[in-house]
Amino acid sequence: MRDRLAHVYWIGGGSGAGKSTIAARLADRYDLRVYPTDDVMGDHARRGEPESSPYLQRFAAMDMDERWVNRSPETMLDTFHWYRGEGFTHIVEDLLAVPAERGVVAEGFRLLPEFVAPLLAEPRRGVWLLPTPAFRRAAFESRYGLWQIAGRTSDPERALRNLLERDRMFTERLDARATSLGLPVIRVDSAMTEDKLADLVATSFRL
């Protein structure tokens, strides 16, 4: 499997860290394909069998308040299906179907270190971007991402707090797991320009 995916570069990380932007820049600079895992979440959810995606089934049955208002951020983190690795096998299936004569940048928060690590021919083929809480909130407010979710609940302010706290803990978990596996991480804050971040990721990949 490592040999069959040797043409893939993996960019994981916390929400709002700039994964999609950096993947697009690297693809343009180095003539790579981009595989955005966020774009295929709906397809992967439909492809999942109920017995292999129990957390997804429970999440799908909840209303917006049950998802984002009535549960603690800790519970939201521990039970979110994509954070549990559900659907990761579909990511691998998709990548195996892409012709290998050209490099591919796979990007998205679903690329969990513990699932990606066994697929890496060498650790430098993956990198995880870890945004600070302030950077993450600014990124989401600039594109209204979290408010599109929180605004559909009965208590948008509480839902937003829960989402931001859940994502903060998710980023900390990514940091701990990637570090324990000896995988590269890059911390992203407001002082980091897109050009600088793209250069750091390219250097990590040794492009």
N, C-alpha and C. Protein backbone atom coordinates (compact mmCIF):
# COMPACT_ATOMS: atom_id res chain seq x y z
N MET A 1 0.83 -1.21 0.00
CA MET A 1 0.00 0.00 0.00
C MET A 1 0.86 1.26 0.00
N ARG A 2 1.95 1.24 0.76
CA ARG A 2 2.84 2.40 0.77
C ARG A 2 3.39 2.67 -0.62
N ASP A 3 3.77 1.62 -1.33
CA ASP A 3 4.31 1.80 -2.68
C ASP A 3 3.24 2.35 -3.62
N ARG A 4 2.03 1.88 -3.49
CA ARG A 4 0.96 2.31 -4.38
C ARG A 4 0.54 3.76 -4.12
N LEU A 5 0.82 4.26 -2.93
CA LEU A 5 0.47 5.64 -2.58
C LEU A 5 1.71 6.52 -2.43
N ALA A 6 2.82 6.08 -3.00
CA ALA A 6 4.07 6.83 -2.85
C ALA A 6 4.03 8.18 -3.55
N HIS A 7 3.08 8.38 -4.48
CA HIS A 7 2.97 9.65 -5.19
C HIS A 7 2.09 10.65 -4.46
N VAL A 8 1.60 10.31 -3.27
CA VAL A 8 0.67 11.16 -2.54
C VAL A 8 1.40 11.94 -1.46
N TYR A 9 1.09 13.24 -1.38
CA TYR A 9 1.51 14.10 -0.27
C TYR A 9 0.26 14.39 0.56
N TRP A 10 0.40 14.32 1.88
CA TRP A 10 -0.76 14.43 2.76
C TRP A 10 -0.66 15.70 3.61
N ILE A 11 -1.70 16.54 3.58
CA ILE A 11 -1.77 17.72 4.43
C ILE A 11 -3.00 17.59 5.32
N GLY A 12 -2.78 17.27 6.57
CA GLY A 12 -3.85 17.22 7.55
C GLY A 12 -3.77 18.43 8.46
N GLY A 13 -4.62 18.44 9.49
CA GLY A 13 -4.53 19.53 10.45
C GLY A 13 -5.87 20.00 10.95
N GLY A 14 -5.82 20.99 11.82
CA GLY A 14 -7.03 21.54 12.42
C GLY A 14 -7.83 22.38 11.43
N SER A 15 -9.09 22.59 11.77
CA SER A 15 -9.97 23.38 10.91
C SER A 15 -9.48 24.83 10.86
N GLY A 16 -9.55 25.42 9.67
CA GLY A 16 -9.17 26.81 9.51
C GLY A 16 -7.69 27.06 9.41
N ALA A 17 -6.86 26.01 9.23
CA ALA A 17 -5.41 26.17 9.21
C ALA A 17 -4.87 26.55 7.84
N GLY A 18 -5.69 26.53 6.81
CA GLY A 18 -5.23 26.88 5.47
C GLY A 18 -4.83 25.70 4.61
N LYS A 19 -5.31 24.51 4.95
CA LYS A 19 -4.93 23.31 4.20
C LYS A 19 -5.29 23.40 2.72
N SER A 20 -6.50 23.82 2.43
CA SER A 20 -6.95 23.89 1.03
C SER A 20 -6.15 24.93 0.25
N THR A 21 -5.91 26.07 0.87
CA THR A 21 -5.15 27.12 0.21
C THR A 21 -3.74 26.67 -0.11
N ILE A 22 -3.09 26.04 0.85
CA ILE A 22 -1.71 25.60 0.65
C ILE A 22 -1.65 24.47 -0.37
N ALA A 23 -2.60 23.55 -0.33
CA ALA A 23 -2.63 22.47 -1.32
C ALA A 23 -2.75 23.04 -2.73
N ALA A 24 -3.62 24.03 -2.90
CA ALA A 24 -3.80 24.63 -4.23
C ALA A 24 -2.53 25.33 -4.69
N ARG A 25 -1.85 26.00 -3.76
CA ARG A 25 -0.60 26.69 -4.13
C ARG A 25 0.48 25.69 -4.54
N LEU A 26 0.61 24.62 -3.79
CA LEU A 26 1.62 23.63 -4.12
C LEU A 26 1.28 22.93 -5.44
N ALA A 27 0.01 22.67 -5.66
CA ALA A 27 -0.39 22.02 -6.91
C ALA A 27 -0.03 22.89 -8.10
N ASP A 28 -0.27 24.19 -7.97
CA ASP A 28 0.05 25.10 -9.07
C ASP A 28 1.56 25.23 -9.26
N ARG A 29 2.28 25.26 -8.16
CA ARG A 29 3.73 25.47 -8.23
C ARG A 29 4.47 24.24 -8.75
N TYR A 30 3.98 23.05 -8.39
CA TYR A 30 4.72 21.82 -8.70
C TYR A 30 3.97 20.86 -9.62
N ASP A 31 2.89 21.34 -10.24
CA ASP A 31 2.11 20.54 -11.18
C ASP A 31 1.60 19.25 -10.53
N LEU A 32 0.90 19.41 -9.42
CA LEU A 32 0.33 18.29 -8.70
C LEU A 32 -1.20 18.33 -8.81
N ARG A 33 -1.82 17.19 -8.66
CA ARG A 33 -3.28 17.14 -8.51
C ARG A 33 -3.63 17.47 -7.07
N VAL A 34 -4.86 17.92 -6.83
CA VAL A 34 -5.36 18.13 -5.48
C VAL A 34 -6.53 17.19 -5.23
N TYR A 35 -6.51 16.53 -4.09
CA TYR A 35 -7.64 15.70 -3.66
C TYR A 35 -8.16 16.29 -2.35
N PRO A 36 -9.24 17.11 -2.41
CA PRO A 36 -9.79 17.74 -1.22
C PRO A 36 -10.80 16.81 -0.53
N THR A 37 -10.44 16.29 0.60
CA THR A 37 -11.30 15.31 1.25
C THR A 37 -12.62 15.91 1.74
N ASP A 38 -12.64 17.23 2.01
CA ASP A 38 -13.91 17.85 2.43
C ASP A 38 -14.96 17.73 1.33
N ASP A 39 -14.51 17.83 0.08
CA ASP A 39 -15.46 17.87 -1.04
C ASP A 39 -16.18 16.54 -1.26
N VAL A 40 -15.64 15.46 -0.71
CA VAL A 40 -16.23 14.15 -0.96
C VAL A 40 -16.87 13.56 0.30
N MET A 41 -17.06 14.39 1.32
CA MET A 41 -17.67 13.87 2.55
C MET A 41 -19.07 13.33 2.31
N GLY A 42 -19.86 14.05 1.52
CA GLY A 42 -21.21 13.57 1.24
C GLY A 42 -21.20 12.23 0.52
N ASP A 43 -20.33 12.10 -0.47
CA ASP A 43 -20.21 10.85 -1.21
C ASP A 43 -19.77 9.72 -0.28
N HIS A 44 -18.81 10.00 0.58
CA HIS A 44 -18.32 8.96 1.49
C HIS A 44 -19.38 8.57 2.51
N ALA A 45 -20.17 9.55 2.95
CA ALA A 45 -21.25 9.22 3.88
C ALA A 45 -22.27 8.28 3.22
N ARG A 46 -22.55 8.51 1.94
CA ARG A 46 -23.50 7.64 1.24
C ARG A 46 -22.91 6.26 0.98
N ARG A 47 -21.60 6.19 0.78
CA ARG A 47 -20.96 4.91 0.49
C ARG A 47 -20.80 4.05 1.75
N GLY A 48 -20.86 4.67 2.92
CA GLY A 48 -20.62 3.94 4.16
C GLY A 48 -21.75 2.99 4.51
N GLU A 49 -21.40 1.79 4.92
CA GLU A 49 -22.39 0.83 5.41
C GLU A 49 -22.72 1.16 6.87
N PRO A 50 -23.98 0.99 7.28
CA PRO A 50 -24.35 1.32 8.67
C PRO A 50 -23.47 0.65 9.71
N GLU A 51 -23.10 -0.60 9.48
CA GLU A 51 -22.31 -1.31 10.49
C GLU A 51 -20.88 -0.77 10.59
N SER A 52 -20.40 -0.10 9.53
CA SER A 52 -19.05 0.44 9.56
C SER A 52 -19.02 1.93 9.91
N SER A 53 -20.17 2.53 10.11
CA SER A 53 -20.22 3.97 10.41
C SER A 53 -21.27 4.27 11.48
N PRO A 54 -21.15 3.65 12.67
CA PRO A 54 -22.18 3.87 13.70
C PRO A 54 -22.24 5.32 14.19
N TYR A 55 -21.10 5.99 14.28
CA TYR A 55 -21.11 7.38 14.75
C TYR A 55 -21.78 8.29 13.73
N LEU A 56 -21.54 8.03 12.45
CA LEU A 56 -22.20 8.81 11.40
C LEU A 56 -23.71 8.61 11.46
N GLN A 57 -24.16 7.39 11.68
CA GLN A 57 -25.59 7.13 11.73
C GLN A 57 -26.25 7.89 12.89
N ARG A 58 -25.57 7.92 14.03
CA ARG A 58 -26.13 8.64 15.19
C ARG A 58 -26.15 10.14 14.94
N PHE A 59 -25.07 10.64 14.34
CA PHE A 59 -24.98 12.07 14.05
C PHE A 59 -26.07 12.49 13.07
N ALA A 60 -26.28 11.69 12.04
CA ALA A 60 -27.27 12.02 11.02
C ALA A 60 -28.68 12.07 11.59
N ALA A 61 -28.92 11.32 12.65
CA ALA A 61 -30.26 11.26 13.25
C ALA A 61 -30.54 12.43 14.19
N MET A 62 -29.52 13.24 14.53
CA MET A 62 -29.68 14.35 15.46
C MET A 62 -30.17 15.61 14.75
N ASP A 63 -30.89 16.47 15.48
CA ASP A 63 -31.18 17.80 14.95
C ASP A 63 -30.02 18.74 15.30
N MET A 64 -30.08 19.97 14.85
CA MET A 64 -28.95 20.89 15.00
C MET A 64 -28.63 21.18 16.47
N ASP A 65 -29.64 21.31 17.30
CA ASP A 65 -29.38 21.56 18.72
C ASP A 65 -28.74 20.35 19.38
N GLU A 66 -29.19 19.16 19.02
CA GLU A 66 -28.57 17.96 19.58
C GLU A 66 -27.11 17.86 19.17
N ARG A 67 -26.80 18.29 17.98
CA ARG A 67 -25.40 18.20 17.51
C ARG A 67 -24.50 19.23 18.18
N TRP A 68 -24.98 20.50 18.26
CA TRP A 68 -24.06 21.60 18.56
C TRP A 68 -24.37 22.38 19.83
N VAL A 69 -25.54 22.19 20.43
CA VAL A 69 -25.91 22.98 21.62
C VAL A 69 -25.99 22.13 22.88
N ASN A 70 -26.63 20.99 22.80
CA ASN A 70 -26.98 20.22 23.99
C ASN A 70 -25.89 19.27 24.49
N ARG A 71 -24.80 19.14 23.73
CA ARG A 71 -23.73 18.25 24.15
C ARG A 71 -22.48 19.04 24.47
N SER A 72 -21.65 18.48 25.32
CA SER A 72 -20.40 19.16 25.68
C SER A 72 -19.41 19.08 24.52
N PRO A 73 -18.47 20.01 24.44
CA PRO A 73 -17.44 19.93 23.41
C PRO A 73 -16.65 18.62 23.48
N GLU A 74 -16.44 18.11 24.69
CA GLU A 74 -15.73 16.83 24.84
C GLU A 74 -16.49 15.69 24.17
N THR A 75 -17.80 15.65 24.38
CA THR A 75 -18.61 14.61 23.75
C THR A 75 -18.66 14.80 22.24
N MET A 76 -18.77 16.06 21.81
CA MET A 76 -18.77 16.35 20.39
C MET A 76 -17.48 15.87 19.74
N LEU A 77 -16.37 16.06 20.41
CA LEU A 77 -15.07 15.62 19.89
C LEU A 77 -14.99 14.11 19.80
N ASP A 78 -15.36 13.45 20.88
CA ASP A 78 -15.17 12.01 20.97
C ASP A 78 -16.14 11.21 20.10
N THR A 79 -17.25 11.81 19.71
CA THR A 79 -18.26 11.06 18.96
C THR A 79 -18.42 11.52 17.51
N PHE A 80 -17.65 12.53 17.08
CA PHE A 80 -17.79 13.00 15.70
C PHE A 80 -17.20 11.95 14.76
N HIS A 81 -18.00 11.50 13.81
CA HIS A 81 -17.65 10.34 13.00
C HIS A 81 -16.35 10.50 12.23
N TRP A 82 -16.13 11.69 11.63
CA TRP A 82 -14.89 11.86 10.86
C TRP A 82 -13.67 11.84 11.79
N TYR A 83 -13.83 12.32 13.02
CA TYR A 83 -12.71 12.28 13.97
C TYR A 83 -12.43 10.86 14.46
N ARG A 84 -13.39 9.98 14.27
CA ARG A 84 -13.19 8.57 14.65
C ARG A 84 -12.57 7.76 13.51
N GLY A 85 -12.38 8.39 12.37
CA GLY A 85 -11.80 7.70 11.23
C GLY A 85 -12.80 7.01 10.33
N GLU A 86 -14.10 7.18 10.60
CA GLU A 86 -15.10 6.59 9.71
C GLU A 86 -14.98 7.22 8.33
N GLY A 87 -15.00 6.39 7.32
CA GLY A 87 -14.89 6.87 5.95
C GLY A 87 -13.47 7.00 5.44
N PHE A 88 -12.47 6.75 6.29
CA PHE A 88 -11.10 6.90 5.82
C PHE A 88 -10.77 5.88 4.73
N THR A 89 -11.35 4.71 4.83
CA THR A 89 -11.09 3.70 3.78
C THR A 89 -11.54 4.19 2.41
N HIS A 90 -12.57 5.04 2.36
CA HIS A 90 -13.02 5.59 1.08
C HIS A 90 -11.99 6.58 0.52
N ILE A 91 -11.33 7.31 1.41
CA ILE A 91 -10.25 8.21 0.97
C ILE A 91 -9.16 7.39 0.29
N VAL A 92 -8.78 6.31 0.91
CA VAL A 92 -7.73 5.45 0.34
C VAL A 92 -8.19 4.87 -0.99
N GLU A 93 -9.42 4.42 -1.06
CA GLU A 93 -9.95 3.87 -2.31
C GLU A 93 -9.89 4.91 -3.42
N ASP A 94 -10.28 6.14 -3.11
CA ASP A 94 -10.26 7.20 -4.11
C ASP A 94 -8.85 7.47 -4.60
N LEU A 95 -7.90 7.52 -3.68
CA LEU A 95 -6.52 7.82 -4.05
C LEU A 95 -5.91 6.69 -4.87
N LEU A 96 -6.26 5.46 -4.56
CA LEU A 96 -5.75 4.33 -5.33
C LEU A 96 -6.27 4.35 -6.77
N ALA A 97 -7.41 4.99 -6.97
CA ALA A 97 -8.01 5.05 -8.31
C ALA A 97 -7.42 6.17 -9.17
N VAL A 98 -6.61 7.05 -8.56
CA VAL A 98 -6.01 8.16 -9.30
C VAL A 98 -4.72 7.68 -9.96
N PRO A 99 -4.52 7.96 -11.25
CA PRO A 99 -3.28 7.56 -11.91
C PRO A 99 -2.06 8.06 -11.16
N ALA A 100 -1.05 7.20 -11.03
CA ALA A 100 0.09 7.49 -10.17
C ALA A 100 1.23 8.19 -10.88
N GLU A 101 1.07 8.49 -12.16
CA GLU A 101 2.20 9.11 -12.86
C GLU A 101 2.38 10.58 -12.50
N ARG A 102 1.43 11.15 -11.78
CA ARG A 102 1.50 12.56 -11.37
C ARG A 102 1.24 12.63 -9.87
N GLY A 103 1.98 13.49 -9.18
CA GLY A 103 1.81 13.61 -7.74
C GLY A 103 0.45 14.14 -7.35
N VAL A 104 0.00 13.78 -6.16
CA VAL A 104 -1.29 14.20 -5.64
C VAL A 104 -1.11 14.80 -4.25
N VAL A 105 -1.74 15.93 -4.00
CA VAL A 105 -1.81 16.49 -2.65
C VAL A 105 -3.19 16.21 -2.09
N ALA A 106 -3.27 15.33 -1.10
CA ALA A 106 -4.52 15.06 -0.39
C ALA A 106 -4.57 15.99 0.82
N GLU A 107 -5.69 16.66 1.01
CA GLU A 107 -5.77 17.60 2.13
C GLU A 107 -7.11 17.51 2.83
N GLY A 108 -7.10 17.78 4.13
CA GLY A 108 -8.33 17.83 4.89
C GLY A 108 -8.14 17.39 6.33
N PHE A 109 -9.07 17.81 7.18
CA PHE A 109 -8.99 17.48 8.60
C PHE A 109 -9.18 16.00 8.86
N ARG A 110 -9.75 15.27 7.90
CA ARG A 110 -10.01 13.84 8.08
C ARG A 110 -8.75 12.99 7.97
N LEU A 111 -7.64 13.59 7.58
CA LEU A 111 -6.39 12.85 7.44
C LEU A 111 -5.72 12.75 8.81
N LEU A 112 -6.21 11.84 9.61
CA LEU A 112 -5.73 11.68 10.98
C LEU A 112 -4.36 11.00 10.99
N PRO A 113 -3.44 11.49 11.81
CA PRO A 113 -2.07 10.95 11.81
C PRO A 113 -1.99 9.44 11.97
N GLU A 114 -2.81 8.89 12.86
CA GLU A 114 -2.72 7.46 13.13
C GLU A 114 -3.18 6.60 11.94
N PHE A 115 -4.01 7.19 11.05
CA PHE A 115 -4.45 6.47 9.86
C PHE A 115 -3.50 6.69 8.68
N VAL A 116 -2.95 7.87 8.59
CA VAL A 116 -2.05 8.18 7.48
C VAL A 116 -0.68 7.56 7.67
N ALA A 117 -0.18 7.53 8.90
CA ALA A 117 1.19 7.08 9.16
C ALA A 117 1.53 5.74 8.53
N PRO A 118 0.68 4.71 8.63
CA PRO A 118 1.03 3.42 8.02
C PRO A 118 1.11 3.45 6.50
N LEU A 119 0.60 4.53 5.87
CA LEU A 119 0.58 4.62 4.42
C LEU A 119 1.75 5.41 3.86
N LEU A 120 2.56 5.99 4.74
CA LEU A 120 3.66 6.86 4.31
C LEU A 120 4.91 6.05 4.02
N ALA A 121 5.45 6.21 2.83
CA ALA A 121 6.73 5.58 2.51
C ALA A 121 7.83 6.18 3.37
N GLU A 122 7.68 7.45 3.74
CA GLU A 122 8.59 8.13 4.65
C GLU A 122 7.82 9.25 5.34
N PRO A 123 8.17 9.58 6.59
CA PRO A 123 7.38 10.55 7.35
C PRO A 123 7.22 11.91 6.68
N ARG A 124 8.20 12.34 5.88
CA ARG A 124 8.15 13.67 5.28
C ARG A 124 7.02 13.82 4.26
N ARG A 125 6.39 12.73 3.87
CA ARG A 125 5.29 12.81 2.89
C ARG A 125 3.99 13.32 3.50
N GLY A 126 3.96 13.49 4.81
CA GLY A 126 2.78 14.03 5.46
C GLY A 126 3.15 15.20 6.35
N VAL A 127 2.23 16.16 6.51
CA VAL A 127 2.45 17.28 7.42
C VAL A 127 1.09 17.69 7.98
N TRP A 128 1.09 18.13 9.23
CA TRP A 128 -0.15 18.54 9.90
C TRP A 128 -0.04 20.00 10.32
N LEU A 129 -1.00 20.80 9.87
CA LEU A 129 -1.04 22.23 10.17
C LEU A 129 -1.91 22.46 11.39
N LEU A 130 -1.34 23.14 12.39
CA LEU A 130 -2.01 23.31 13.68
C LEU A 130 -2.25 24.78 13.95
N PRO A 131 -3.47 25.28 13.74
CA PRO A 131 -3.76 26.70 13.96
C PRO A 131 -3.93 27.03 15.43
N THR A 132 -3.52 28.24 15.81
CA THR A 132 -3.83 28.72 17.15
C THR A 132 -5.33 29.01 17.23
N PRO A 133 -5.91 29.03 18.44
CA PRO A 133 -7.35 29.33 18.54
C PRO A 133 -7.72 30.66 17.91
N ALA A 134 -6.88 31.69 18.10
CA ALA A 134 -7.19 33.01 17.54
C ALA A 134 -7.17 32.97 16.02
N PHE A 135 -6.19 32.27 15.46
CA PHE A 135 -6.11 32.16 14.00
C PHE A 135 -7.31 31.41 13.45
N ARG A 136 -7.70 30.34 14.14
CA ARG A 136 -8.83 29.53 13.68
C ARG A 136 -10.12 30.35 13.66
N ARG A 137 -10.36 31.09 14.75
CA ARG A 137 -11.59 31.88 14.81
C ARG A 137 -11.60 32.95 13.72
N ALA A 138 -10.45 33.63 13.53
CA ALA A 138 -10.39 34.66 12.50
C ALA A 138 -10.63 34.07 11.12
N ALA A 139 -10.09 32.88 10.88
CA ALA A 139 -10.27 32.23 9.59
C ALA A 139 -11.74 31.91 9.33
N PHE A 140 -12.41 31.40 10.35
CA PHE A 140 -13.81 31.05 10.17
C PHE A 140 -14.70 32.28 10.04
N GLU A 141 -14.40 33.32 10.82
CA GLU A 141 -15.22 34.52 10.73
C GLU A 141 -15.06 35.19 9.37
N SER A 142 -13.88 35.05 8.76
CA SER A 142 -13.66 35.67 7.46
C SER A 142 -14.48 34.99 6.37
N ARG A 143 -14.83 33.73 6.58
CA ARG A 143 -15.62 33.05 5.56
C ARG A 143 -16.97 32.55 6.11
N TYR A 144 -17.34 32.97 7.31
CA TYR A 144 -18.65 32.69 7.91
C TYR A 144 -18.92 31.20 8.09
N GLY A 145 -17.87 30.38 8.13
CA GLY A 145 -18.07 28.94 8.19
C GLY A 145 -18.80 28.46 9.43
N LEU A 146 -18.32 28.88 10.61
CA LEU A 146 -18.94 28.40 11.84
C LEU A 146 -20.33 29.00 12.05
N TRP A 147 -20.51 30.26 11.66
CA TRP A 147 -21.83 30.86 11.86
C TRP A 147 -22.88 30.20 10.97
N GLN A 148 -22.48 29.65 9.85
CA GLN A 148 -23.44 28.93 9.02
C GLN A 148 -23.99 27.71 9.74
N ILE A 149 -23.19 27.13 10.62
CA ILE A 149 -23.66 26.01 11.43
C ILE A 149 -24.37 26.52 12.67
N ALA A 150 -23.68 27.36 13.44
CA ALA A 150 -24.23 27.84 14.71
C ALA A 150 -25.52 28.62 14.51
N GLY A 151 -25.62 29.35 13.41
CA GLY A 151 -26.80 30.17 13.17
C GLY A 151 -28.06 29.37 12.90
N ARG A 152 -27.92 28.09 12.70
CA ARG A 152 -29.09 27.22 12.47
C ARG A 152 -29.55 26.51 13.74
N THR A 153 -29.00 26.92 14.87
CA THR A 153 -29.42 26.36 16.16
C THR A 153 -30.26 27.37 16.93
N SER A 154 -30.83 26.94 18.06
CA SER A 154 -31.63 27.85 18.88
C SER A 154 -30.77 28.76 19.74
N ASP A 155 -29.48 28.45 19.85
CA ASP A 155 -28.58 29.25 20.68
C ASP A 155 -27.24 29.38 19.94
N PRO A 156 -27.17 30.28 18.95
CA PRO A 156 -25.97 30.38 18.13
C PRO A 156 -24.69 30.67 18.91
N GLU A 157 -24.77 31.51 19.93
CA GLU A 157 -23.56 31.84 20.70
C GLU A 157 -23.01 30.61 21.41
N ARG A 158 -23.86 29.85 22.04
CA ARG A 158 -23.41 28.64 22.73
C ARG A 158 -22.89 27.62 21.72
N ALA A 159 -23.58 27.46 20.61
CA ALA A 159 -23.14 26.51 19.59
C ALA A 159 -21.76 26.91 19.07
N LEU A 160 -21.53 28.20 18.87
CA LEU A 160 -20.24 28.65 18.38
C LEU A 160 -19.14 28.38 19.40
N ARG A 161 -19.43 28.65 20.66
CA ARG A 161 -18.44 28.34 21.72
C ARG A 161 -18.11 26.85 21.72
N ASN A 162 -19.14 26.03 21.62
CA ASN A 162 -18.91 24.58 21.62
C ASN A 162 -18.06 24.15 20.43
N LEU A 163 -18.37 24.69 19.26
CA LEU A 163 -17.62 24.32 18.06
C LEU A 163 -16.16 24.74 18.15
N LEU A 164 -15.93 25.96 18.62
CA LEU A 164 -14.55 26.45 18.73
C LEU A 164 -13.76 25.65 19.76
N GLU A 165 -14.40 25.30 20.87
CA GLU A 165 -13.71 24.51 21.89
C GLU A 165 -13.46 23.09 21.38
N ARG A 166 -14.42 22.52 20.70
CA ARG A 166 -14.21 21.19 20.14
C ARG A 166 -13.03 21.20 19.17
N ASP A 167 -12.97 22.22 18.30
CA ASP A 167 -11.89 22.29 17.33
C ASP A 167 -10.55 22.55 17.99
N ARG A 168 -10.55 23.31 19.09
CA ARG A 168 -9.31 23.53 19.83
C ARG A 168 -8.79 22.20 20.37
N MET A 169 -9.66 21.42 20.96
CA MET A 169 -9.24 20.13 21.50
C MET A 169 -8.82 19.17 20.40
N PHE A 170 -9.50 19.25 19.26
CA PHE A 170 -9.13 18.40 18.13
C PHE A 170 -7.72 18.72 17.66
N THR A 171 -7.39 20.00 17.59
CA THR A 171 -6.06 20.41 17.18
C THR A 171 -5.01 19.93 18.17
N GLU A 172 -5.31 20.01 19.46
CA GLU A 172 -4.38 19.50 20.47
C GLU A 172 -4.18 18.00 20.33
N ARG A 173 -5.25 17.29 20.02
CA ARG A 173 -5.15 15.85 19.82
C ARG A 173 -4.29 15.53 18.60
N LEU A 174 -4.49 16.26 17.52
CA LEU A 174 -3.65 16.07 16.33
C LEU A 174 -2.18 16.29 16.66
N ASP A 175 -1.91 17.34 17.40
CA ASP A 175 -0.53 17.67 17.78
C ASP A 175 0.09 16.51 18.54
N ALA A 176 -0.62 16.00 19.54
CA ALA A 176 -0.08 14.92 20.36
C ALA A 176 0.15 13.66 19.54
N ARG A 177 -0.81 13.31 18.70
CA ARG A 177 -0.70 12.06 17.94
C ARG A 177 0.36 12.16 16.85
N ALA A 178 0.41 13.27 16.14
CA ALA A 178 1.43 13.42 15.10
C ALA A 178 2.83 13.42 15.72
N THR A 179 2.97 14.13 16.82
CA THR A 179 4.27 14.20 17.47
C THR A 179 4.71 12.84 17.97
N SER A 180 3.78 12.09 18.55
CA SER A 180 4.13 10.77 19.07
C SER A 180 4.54 9.81 17.97
N LEU A 181 4.04 10.05 16.76
CA LEU A 181 4.37 9.20 15.62
C LEU A 181 5.58 9.71 14.84
N GLY A 182 6.17 10.80 15.30
CA GLY A 182 7.32 11.36 14.62
C GLY A 182 7.00 12.01 13.30
N LEU A 183 5.77 12.55 13.17
CA LEU A 183 5.33 13.17 11.92
C LEU A 183 5.45 14.69 12.01
N PRO A 184 5.74 15.35 10.89
CA PRO A 184 5.94 16.80 10.91
C PRO A 184 4.66 17.57 11.24
N VAL A 185 4.80 18.61 12.05
CA VAL A 185 3.71 19.54 12.33
C VAL A 185 4.22 20.96 12.10
N ILE A 186 3.31 21.83 11.70
CA ILE A 186 3.62 23.25 11.52
C ILE A 186 2.54 24.03 12.25
N ARG A 187 2.96 24.90 13.14
CA ARG A 187 2.01 25.72 13.91
C ARG A 187 1.73 27.01 13.15
N VAL A 188 0.44 27.32 13.02
CA VAL A 188 0.00 28.44 12.18
C VAL A 188 -0.65 29.50 13.07
N ASP A 189 -0.09 30.73 13.02
CA ASP A 189 -0.69 31.83 13.76
C ASP A 189 -0.85 33.03 12.83
N SER A 190 -1.30 34.15 13.39
CA SER A 190 -1.62 35.32 12.57
C SER A 190 -0.39 35.94 11.92
N ALA A 191 0.80 35.62 12.43
CA ALA A 191 2.02 36.16 11.83
C ALA A 191 2.47 35.36 10.61
N MET A 192 1.84 34.24 10.37
CA MET A 192 2.23 33.36 9.27
C MET A 192 1.52 33.77 7.97
N THR A 193 2.28 34.17 6.98
CA THR A 193 1.68 34.50 5.68
C THR A 193 1.44 33.22 4.89
N GLU A 194 0.57 33.32 3.90
CA GLU A 194 0.31 32.15 3.05
C GLU A 194 1.57 31.73 2.29
N ASP A 195 2.33 32.71 1.83
CA ASP A 195 3.57 32.40 1.12
C ASP A 195 4.54 31.65 2.02
N LYS A 196 4.69 32.13 3.25
CA LYS A 196 5.61 31.48 4.18
C LYS A 196 5.14 30.07 4.50
N LEU A 197 3.84 29.90 4.73
CA LEU A 197 3.32 28.57 5.05
C LEU A 197 3.51 27.62 3.88
N ALA A 198 3.25 28.09 2.67
CA ALA A 198 3.45 27.24 1.50
C ALA A 198 4.91 26.83 1.37
N ASP A 199 5.81 27.76 1.65
CA ASP A 199 7.24 27.43 1.59
C ASP A 199 7.62 26.40 2.64
N LEU A 200 7.07 26.54 3.84
CA LEU A 200 7.38 25.58 4.91
C LEU A 200 6.88 24.18 4.56
N VAL A 201 5.68 24.09 4.01
CA VAL A 201 5.13 22.79 3.65
C VAL A 201 5.94 22.19 2.50
N ALA A 202 6.29 23.00 1.51
CA ALA A 202 7.09 22.50 0.39
C ALA A 202 8.44 22.00 0.87
N THR A 203 9.03 22.72 1.82
CA THR A 203 10.32 22.28 2.38
C THR A 203 10.16 20.98 3.15
N SER A 204 9.08 20.87 3.91
CA SER A 204 8.82 19.63 4.65
C SER A 204 8.68 18.44 3.71
N PHE A 205 7.99 18.67 2.58
CA PHE A 205 7.83 17.61 1.57
C PHE A 205 9.10 17.40 0.74
N ARG A 206 10.02 18.34 0.83
CA ARG A 206 11.25 18.32 0.00
C ARG A 206 10.92 18.39 -1.48
N LEU A 207 9.96 19.25 -1.80
CA LEU A 207 9.59 19.43 -3.19
C LEU A 207 10.63 20.31 -3.90
